[in-house]
Amino acid sequence: MPRHRIHVQLDGLLSIHAVRAVRTALAAVPGVLGAEVSMQGAILDAEAPLDRDALDHALGYAGVRVLTLREERGTLPLL
């Protein structure tokens, strides 16, 4: 099954609390299978391209905004 890996650079990740808020917000975005969030940004695994409005809304609720978004399409191993 094709999977998508999305690299997101975020503005507003100033503390570990912001990182946790982003991780929680991303869990509510339809299609996000997993997320690695750090102070530098996030790497998302998704089952299909994400709805950008839903992503922006969730991240805005967490107090951050998207600076850049880069998507890779490929096959990810199932664990």
PDB file of N, CA and C in Angstrom:
ATOM      1  N   MET A   1       0.857  -1.173   0.000  1.00  0.00           N
ATOM      2  CA  MET A   1       0.000   0.000   0.000  1.00  0.00           C
ATOM      3  C   MET A   1       0.906   1.240   0.000  1.00  0.00           C
ATOM      4  N   PRO A   2       0.689   2.166  -0.912  1.00  0.00           N
ATOM      5  CA  PRO A   2       1.502   3.386  -0.931  1.00  0.00           C
ATOM      6  C   PRO A   2       1.294   4.188   0.348  1.00  0.00           C
ATOM      7  N   ARG A   3       2.386   4.695   0.865  1.00  0.00           N
ATOM      8  CA  ARG A   3       2.336   5.533   2.055  1.00  0.00           C
ATOM      9  C   ARG A   3       3.005   6.853   1.729  1.00  0.00           C
ATOM     10  N   HIS A   4       2.739   7.832   2.530  1.00  0.00           N
ATOM     11  CA  HIS A   4       3.302   9.162   2.332  1.00  0.00           C
ATOM     12  C   HIS A   4       4.068   9.565   3.588  1.00  0.00           C
ATOM     13  N   ARG A   5       5.235  10.100   3.394  1.00  0.00           N
ATOM     14  CA  ARG A   5       6.008  10.681   4.495  1.00  0.00           C
ATOM     15  C   ARG A   5       6.060  12.179   4.223  1.00  0.00           C
ATOM     16  N   ILE A   6       5.665  12.959   5.206  1.00  0.00           N
ATOM     17  CA  ILE A   6       5.547  14.395   5.038  1.00  0.00           C
ATOM     18  C   ILE A   6       6.458  15.080   6.055  1.00  0.00           C
ATOM     19  N   HIS A   7       7.378  15.888   5.554  1.00  0.00           N
ATOM     20  CA  HIS A   7       8.298  16.650   6.393  1.00  0.00           C
ATOM     21  C   HIS A   7       7.727  18.058   6.552  1.00  0.00           C
ATOM     22  N   VAL A   8       7.527  18.474   7.787  1.00  0.00           N
ATOM     23  CA  VAL A   8       6.898  19.763   8.062  1.00  0.00           C
ATOM     24  C   VAL A   8       7.835  20.605   8.932  1.00  0.00           C
ATOM     25  N   GLN A   9       8.197  21.771   8.433  1.00  0.00           N
ATOM     26  CA  GLN A   9       8.962  22.726   9.242  1.00  0.00           C
ATOM     27  C   GLN A   9       7.945  23.668   9.875  1.00  0.00           C
ATOM     28  N   LEU A  10       8.049  23.842  11.189  1.00  0.00           N
ATOM     29  CA  LEU A  10       7.046  24.597  11.931  1.00  0.00           C
ATOM     30  C   LEU A  10       7.636  25.827  12.598  1.00  0.00           C
ATOM     31  N   ASP A  11       6.818  26.849  12.720  1.00  0.00           N
ATOM     32  CA  ASP A  11       7.172  28.064  13.450  1.00  0.00           C
ATOM     33  C   ASP A  11       6.381  28.060  14.750  1.00  0.00           C
ATOM     34  N   GLY A  12       7.057  28.251  15.869  1.00  0.00           N
ATOM     35  CA  GLY A  12       6.362  28.312  17.141  1.00  0.00           C
ATOM     36  C   GLY A  12       6.711  27.188  18.087  1.00  0.00           C
ATOM     37  N   LEU A  13       7.600  26.276  17.671  1.00  0.00           N
ATOM     38  CA  LEU A  13       8.018  25.197  18.557  1.00  0.00           C
ATOM     39  C   LEU A  13       9.124  25.723  19.471  1.00  0.00           C
ATOM     40  N   LEU A  14       8.716  26.323  20.561  1.00  0.00           N
ATOM     41  CA  LEU A  14       9.663  26.992  21.447  1.00  0.00           C
ATOM     42  C   LEU A  14       9.920  26.238  22.745  1.00  0.00           C
ATOM     43  N   SER A  15       9.155  25.177  22.995  1.00  0.00           N
ATOM     44  CA  SER A  15       9.315  24.442  24.249  1.00  0.00           C
ATOM     45  C   SER A  15       8.863  23.001  24.068  1.00  0.00           C
ATOM     46  N   ILE A  16       9.207  22.179  25.033  1.00  0.00           N
ATOM     47  CA  ILE A  16       8.759  20.786  25.006  1.00  0.00           C
ATOM     48  C   ILE A  16       7.238  20.711  25.110  1.00  0.00           C
ATOM     49  N   HIS A  17       6.634  21.700  25.739  1.00  0.00           N
ATOM     50  CA  HIS A  17       5.172  21.729  25.845  1.00  0.00           C
ATOM     51  C   HIS A  17       4.544  21.940  24.464  1.00  0.00           C
ATOM     52  N   ALA A  18       5.177  22.769  23.639  1.00  0.00           N
ATOM     53  CA  ALA A  18       4.688  22.984  22.273  1.00  0.00           C
ATOM     54  C   ALA A  18       4.826  21.701  21.461  1.00  0.00           C
ATOM     55  N   VAL A  19       5.916  20.990  21.661  1.00  0.00           N
ATOM     56  CA  VAL A  19       6.118  19.718  20.950  1.00  0.00           C
ATOM     57  C   VAL A  19       5.009  18.743  21.322  1.00  0.00           C
ATOM     58  N   ARG A  20       4.685  18.656  22.588  1.00  0.00           N
ATOM     59  CA  ARG A  20       3.593  17.764  23.031  1.00  0.00           C
ATOM     60  C   ARG A  20       2.255  18.206  22.457  1.00  0.00           C
ATOM     61  N   ALA A  21       2.008  19.511  22.428  1.00  0.00           N
ATOM     62  CA  ALA A  21       0.747  20.015  21.876  1.00  0.00           C
ATOM     63  C   ALA A  21       0.633  19.674  20.401  1.00  0.00           C
ATOM     64  N   VAL A  22       1.730  19.789  19.663  1.00  0.00           N
ATOM     65  CA  VAL A  22       1.720  19.448  18.238  1.00  0.00           C
ATOM     66  C   VAL A  22       1.472  17.957  18.061  1.00  0.00           C
ATOM     67  N   ARG A  23       2.131  17.129  18.844  1.00  0.00           N
ATOM     68  CA  ARG A  23       1.936  15.678  18.742  1.00  0.00           C
ATOM     69  C   ARG A  23       0.467  15.316  18.990  1.00  0.00           C
ATOM     70  N   THR A  24      -0.137  15.936  19.997  1.00  0.00           N
ATOM     71  CA  THR A  24      -1.544  15.683  20.307  1.00  0.00           C
ATOM     72  C   THR A  24      -2.452  16.165  19.180  1.00  0.00           C
ATOM     73  N   ALA A  25      -2.175  17.352  18.642  1.00  0.00           N
ATOM     74  CA  ALA A  25      -2.997  17.908  17.567  1.00  0.00           C
ATOM     75  C   ALA A  25      -2.908  17.045  16.305  1.00  0.00           C
ATOM     76  N   LEU A  26      -1.721  16.549  15.992  1.00  0.00           N
ATOM     77  CA  LEU A  26      -1.554  15.734  14.787  1.00  0.00           C
ATOM     78  C   LEU A  26      -2.308  14.411  14.881  1.00  0.00           C
ATOM     79  N   ALA A  27      -2.475  13.898  16.084  1.00  0.00           N
ATOM     80  CA  ALA A  27      -3.218  12.655  16.262  1.00  0.00           C
ATOM     81  C   ALA A  27      -4.677  12.802  15.840  1.00  0.00           C
ATOM     82  N   ALA A  28      -5.175  14.033  15.812  1.00  0.00           N
ATOM     83  CA  ALA A  28      -6.575  14.281  15.442  1.00  0.00           C
ATOM     84  C   ALA A  28      -6.761  14.539  13.948  1.00  0.00           C
ATOM     85  N   VAL A  29      -5.665  14.632  13.182  1.00  0.00           N
ATOM     86  CA  VAL A  29      -5.776  14.901  11.744  1.00  0.00           C
ATOM     87  C   VAL A  29      -6.078  13.594  11.017  1.00  0.00           C
ATOM     88  N   PRO A  30      -7.195  13.530  10.284  1.00  0.00           N
ATOM     89  CA  PRO A  30      -7.527  12.308   9.561  1.00  0.00           C
ATOM     90  C   PRO A  30      -6.420  11.910   8.587  1.00  0.00           C
ATOM     91  N   GLY A  31      -6.039  10.624   8.636  1.00  0.00           N
ATOM     92  CA  GLY A  31      -5.035  10.099   7.721  1.00  0.00           C
ATOM     93  C   GLY A  31      -3.634  10.038   8.283  1.00  0.00           C
ATOM     94  N   VAL A  32      -3.377  10.709   9.417  1.00  0.00           N
ATOM     95  CA  VAL A  32      -2.042  10.651  10.018  1.00  0.00           C
ATOM     96  C   VAL A  32      -1.904   9.324  10.755  1.00  0.00           C
ATOM     97  N   LEU A  33      -0.918   8.531  10.347  1.00  0.00           N
ATOM     98  CA  LEU A  33      -0.677   7.236  10.971  1.00  0.00           C
ATOM     99  C   LEU A  33       0.316   7.335  12.123  1.00  0.00           C
ATOM    100  N   GLY A  34       1.208   8.298  12.043  1.00  0.00           N
ATOM    101  CA  GLY A  34       2.208   8.488  13.084  1.00  0.00           C
ATOM    102  C   GLY A  34       2.926   9.799  12.870  1.00  0.00           C
ATOM    103  N   ALA A  35       3.561  10.291  13.926  1.00  0.00           N
ATOM    104  CA  ALA A  35       4.271  11.566  13.829  1.00  0.00           C
ATOM    105  C   ALA A  35       5.470  11.550  14.755  1.00  0.00           C
ATOM    106  N   GLU A  36       6.593  11.996  14.224  1.00  0.00           N
ATOM    107  CA  GLU A  36       7.788  12.246  15.021  1.00  0.00           C
ATOM    108  C   GLU A  36       7.908  13.770  15.112  1.00  0.00           C
ATOM    109  N   VAL A  37       7.810  14.300  16.300  1.00  0.00           N
ATOM    110  CA  VAL A  37       7.832  15.754  16.477  1.00  0.00           C
ATOM    111  C   VAL A  37       9.041  16.117  17.329  1.00  0.00           C
ATOM    112  N   SER A  38       9.789  17.118  16.878  1.00  0.00           N
ATOM    113  CA  SER A  38      10.930  17.630  17.635  1.00  0.00           C
ATOM    114  C   SER A  38      10.900  19.148  17.549  1.00  0.00           C
ATOM    115  N   MET A  39      11.871  19.786  18.165  1.00  0.00           N
ATOM    116  CA  MET A  39      11.939  21.239  18.132  1.00  0.00           C
ATOM    117  C   MET A  39      12.218  21.759  16.720  1.00  0.00           C
ATOM    118  N   GLN A  40      12.675  20.900  15.827  1.00  0.00           N
ATOM    119  CA  GLN A  40      12.952  21.314  14.448  1.00  0.00           C
ATOM    120  C   GLN A  40      11.731  21.191  13.540  1.00  0.00           C
ATOM    121  N   GLY A  41      10.749  20.403  13.915  1.00  0.00           N
ATOM    122  CA  GLY A  41       9.573  20.223  13.077  1.00  0.00           C
ATOM    123  C   GLY A  41       8.970  18.851  13.291  1.00  0.00           C
ATOM    124  N   ALA A  42       8.316  18.343  12.254  1.00  0.00           N
ATOM    125  CA  ALA A  42       7.644  17.060  12.369  1.00  0.00           C
ATOM    126  C   ALA A  42       7.813  16.258  11.090  1.00  0.00           C
ATOM    127  N   ILE A  43       7.843  14.949  11.265  1.00  0.00           N
ATOM    128  CA  ILE A  43       7.810  14.022  10.131  1.00  0.00           C
ATOM    129  C   ILE A  43       6.576  13.164  10.340  1.00  0.00           C
ATOM    130  N   LEU A  44       5.673  13.225   9.385  1.00  0.00           N
ATOM    131  CA  LEU A  44       4.406  12.515   9.483  1.00  0.00           C
ATOM    132  C   LEU A  44       4.394  11.330   8.537  1.00  0.00           C
ATOM    133  N   ASP A  45       3.784  10.242   8.963  1.00  0.00           N
ATOM    134  CA  ASP A  45       3.475   9.122   8.095  1.00  0.00           C
ATOM    135  C   ASP A  45       1.968   9.148   7.890  1.00  0.00           C
ATOM    136  N   ALA A  46       1.563   9.092   6.626  1.00  0.00           N
ATOM    137  CA  ALA A  46       0.134   9.184   6.304  1.00  0.00           C
ATOM    138  C   ALA A  46      -0.237   8.117   5.294  1.00  0.00           C
ATOM    139  N   GLU A  47      -1.506   7.750   5.294  1.00  0.00           N
ATOM    140  CA  GLU A  47      -1.975   6.734   4.356  1.00  0.00           C
ATOM    141  C   GLU A  47      -2.246   7.325   2.978  1.00  0.00           C
ATOM    142  N   ALA A  48      -2.415   8.629   2.895  1.00  0.00           N
ATOM    143  CA  ALA A  48      -2.699   9.328   1.631  1.00  0.00           C
ATOM    144  C   ALA A  48      -2.312  10.792   1.829  1.00  0.00           C
ATOM    145  N   PRO A  49      -2.311  11.571   0.763  1.00  0.00           N
ATOM    146  CA  PRO A  49      -2.047  13.007   0.955  1.00  0.00           C
ATOM    147  C   PRO A  49      -3.038  13.588   1.970  1.00  0.00           C
ATOM    148  N   LEU A  50      -2.543  14.457   2.826  1.00  0.00           N
ATOM    149  CA  LEU A  50      -3.385  15.026   3.878  1.00  0.00           C
ATOM    150  C   LEU A  50      -4.128  16.257   3.390  1.00  0.00           C
ATOM    151  N   ASP A  51      -5.274  16.493   3.998  1.00  0.00           N
ATOM    152  CA  ASP A  51      -6.035  17.717   3.755  1.00  0.00           C
ATOM    153  C   ASP A  51      -5.269  18.862   4.412  1.00  0.00           C
ATOM    154  N   ARG A  52      -4.728  19.757   3.598  1.00  0.00           N
ATOM    155  CA  ARG A  52      -3.887  20.839   4.119  1.00  0.00           C
ATOM    156  C   ARG A  52      -4.659  21.731   5.073  1.00  0.00           C
ATOM    157  N   ASP A  53      -5.940  21.983   4.808  1.00  0.00           N
ATOM    158  CA  ASP A  53      -6.735  22.820   5.712  1.00  0.00           C
ATOM    159  C   ASP A  53      -6.867  22.167   7.090  1.00  0.00           C
ATOM    160  N   ALA A  54      -7.100  20.853   7.121  1.00  0.00           N
ATOM    161  CA  ALA A  54      -7.215  20.140   8.396  1.00  0.00           C
ATOM    162  C   ALA A  54      -5.888  20.171   9.147  1.00  0.00           C
ATOM    163  N   LEU A  55      -4.784  20.017   8.419  1.00  0.00           N
ATOM    164  CA  LEU A  55      -3.457  20.064   9.030  1.00  0.00           C
ATOM    165  C   LEU A  55      -3.177  21.453   9.604  1.00  0.00           C
ATOM    166  N   ASP A  56      -3.418  22.483   8.803  1.00  0.00           N
ATOM    167  CA  ASP A  56      -3.192  23.857   9.264  1.00  0.00           C
ATOM    168  C   ASP A  56      -4.063  24.198  10.470  1.00  0.00           C
ATOM    169  N   HIS A  57      -5.306  23.755  10.453  1.00  0.00           N
ATOM    170  CA  HIS A  57      -6.228  24.032  11.557  1.00  0.00           C
ATOM    171  C   HIS A  57      -5.736  23.366  12.847  1.00  0.00           C
ATOM    172  N   ALA A  58      -5.362  22.096  12.758  1.00  0.00           N
ATOM    173  CA  ALA A  58      -4.897  21.371  13.944  1.00  0.00           C
ATOM    174  C   ALA A  58      -3.624  21.996  14.499  1.00  0.00           C
ATOM    175  N   LEU A  59      -2.699  22.337  13.623  1.00  0.00           N
ATOM    176  CA  LEU A  59      -1.444  22.926  14.078  1.00  0.00           C
ATOM    177  C   LEU A  59      -1.656  24.335  14.618  1.00  0.00           C
ATOM    178  N   GLY A  60      -2.571  25.083  14.023  1.00  0.00           N
ATOM    179  CA  GLY A  60      -2.906  26.408  14.540  1.00  0.00           C
ATOM    180  C   GLY A  60      -3.491  26.316  15.939  1.00  0.00           C
ATOM    181  N   TYR A  61      -4.297  25.311  16.165  1.00  0.00           N
ATOM    182  CA  TYR A  61      -4.880  25.092  17.485  1.00  0.00           C
ATOM    183  C   TYR A  61      -3.781  24.810  18.510  1.00  0.00           C
ATOM    184  N   ALA A  62      -2.692  24.170  18.058  1.00  0.00           N
ATOM    185  CA  ALA A  62      -1.563  23.873  18.940  1.00  0.00           C
ATOM    186  C   ALA A  62      -0.627  25.074  19.100  1.00  0.00           C
ATOM    187  N   GLY A  63      -0.893  26.149  18.364  1.00  0.00           N
ATOM    188  CA  GLY A  63      -0.111  27.364  18.517  1.00  0.00           C
ATOM    189  C   GLY A  63       1.097  27.474  17.610  1.00  0.00           C
ATOM    190  N   VAL A  64       1.133  26.684  16.543  1.00  0.00           N
ATOM    191  CA  VAL A  64       2.247  26.752  15.594  1.00  0.00           C
ATOM    192  C   VAL A  64       1.696  26.918  14.186  1.00  0.00           C
ATOM    193  N   ARG A  65       2.594  27.263  13.258  1.00  0.00           N
ATOM    194  CA  ARG A  65       2.167  27.359  11.862  1.00  0.00           C
ATOM    195  C   ARG A  65       3.200  26.692  10.970  1.00  0.00           C
ATOM    196  N   VAL A  66       2.744  26.238   9.818  1.00  0.00           N
ATOM    197  CA  VAL A  66       3.601  25.543   8.860  1.00  0.00           C
ATOM    198  C   VAL A  66       4.439  26.564   8.099  1.00  0.00           C
ATOM    199  N   LEU A  67       5.760  26.364   8.099  1.00  0.00           N
ATOM    200  CA  LEU A  67       6.651  27.181   7.277  1.00  0.00           C
ATOM    201  C   LEU A  67       6.866  26.513   5.923  1.00  0.00           C
ATOM    202  N   THR A  68       7.213  25.234   5.940  1.00  0.00           N
ATOM    203  CA  THR A  68       7.382  24.469   4.701  1.00  0.00           C
ATOM    204  C   THR A  68       6.816  23.071   4.899  1.00  0.00           C
ATOM    205  N   LEU A  69       6.431  22.486   3.786  1.00  0.00           N
ATOM    206  CA  LEU A  69       5.887  21.133   3.796  1.00  0.00           C
ATOM    207  C   LEU A  69       6.436  20.416   2.570  1.00  0.00           C
ATOM    208  N   ARG A  70       7.062  19.248   2.781  1.00  0.00           N
ATOM    209  CA  ARG A  70       7.599  18.462   1.678  1.00  0.00           C
ATOM    210  C   ARG A  70       7.100  17.036   1.830  1.00  0.00           C
ATOM    211  N   GLU A  71       6.556  16.504   0.752  1.00  0.00           N
ATOM    212  CA  GLU A  71       5.957  15.179   0.802  1.00  0.00           C
ATOM    213  C   GLU A  71       6.750  14.180  -0.025  1.00  0.00           C
ATOM    214  N   GLU A  72       6.980  13.018   0.560  1.00  0.00           N
ATOM    215  CA  GLU A  72       7.583  11.892  -0.149  1.00  0.00           C
ATOM    216  C   GLU A  72       6.484  10.847  -0.340  1.00  0.00           C
ATOM    217  N   ARG A  73       6.478  10.236  -1.483  1.00  0.00           N
ATOM    218  CA  ARG A  73       5.523   9.154  -1.695  1.00  0.00           C
ATOM    219  C   ARG A  73       6.320   7.889  -1.899  1.00  0.00           C
ATOM    220  N   GLY A  74       5.934   6.855  -1.240  1.00  0.00           N
ATOM    221  CA  GLY A  74       6.655   5.591  -1.374  1.00  0.00           C
ATOM    222  C   GLY A  74       6.005   4.516  -0.566  1.00  0.00           C
ATOM    223  N   THR A  75       6.732   3.460  -0.360  1.00  0.00           N
ATOM    224  CA  THR A  75       6.236   2.347   0.417  1.00  0.00           C
ATOM    225  C   THR A  75       7.009   2.294   1.720  1.00  0.00           C
ATOM    226  N   LEU A  76       6.305   2.328   2.812  1.00  0.00           N
ATOM    227  CA  LEU A  76       6.920   2.223   4.124  1.00  0.00           C
ATOM    228  C   LEU A  76       6.713   0.809   4.638  1.00  0.00           C
ATOM    229  N   PRO A  77       7.673   0.277   5.345  1.00  0.00           N
ATOM    230  CA  PRO A  77       7.501  -1.079   5.879  1.00  0.00           C
ATOM    231  C   PRO A  77       6.439  -1.088   6.972  1.00  0.00           C
ATOM    232  N   LEU A  78       5.705  -2.168   7.019  1.00  0.00           N
ATOM    233  CA  LEU A  78       4.722  -2.346   8.084  1.00  0.00           C
ATOM    234  C   LEU A  78       5.393  -3.081   9.217  1.00  0.00           C
ATOM    235  N   LEU A  79       5.228  -2.581  10.417  1.00  0.00           N
ATOM    236  CA  LEU A  79       5.852  -3.217  11.574  1.00  0.00           C
ATOM    237  C   LEU A  79       4.865  -4.067  12.315  1.00  0.00           C
TER     238      LEU A  79
END
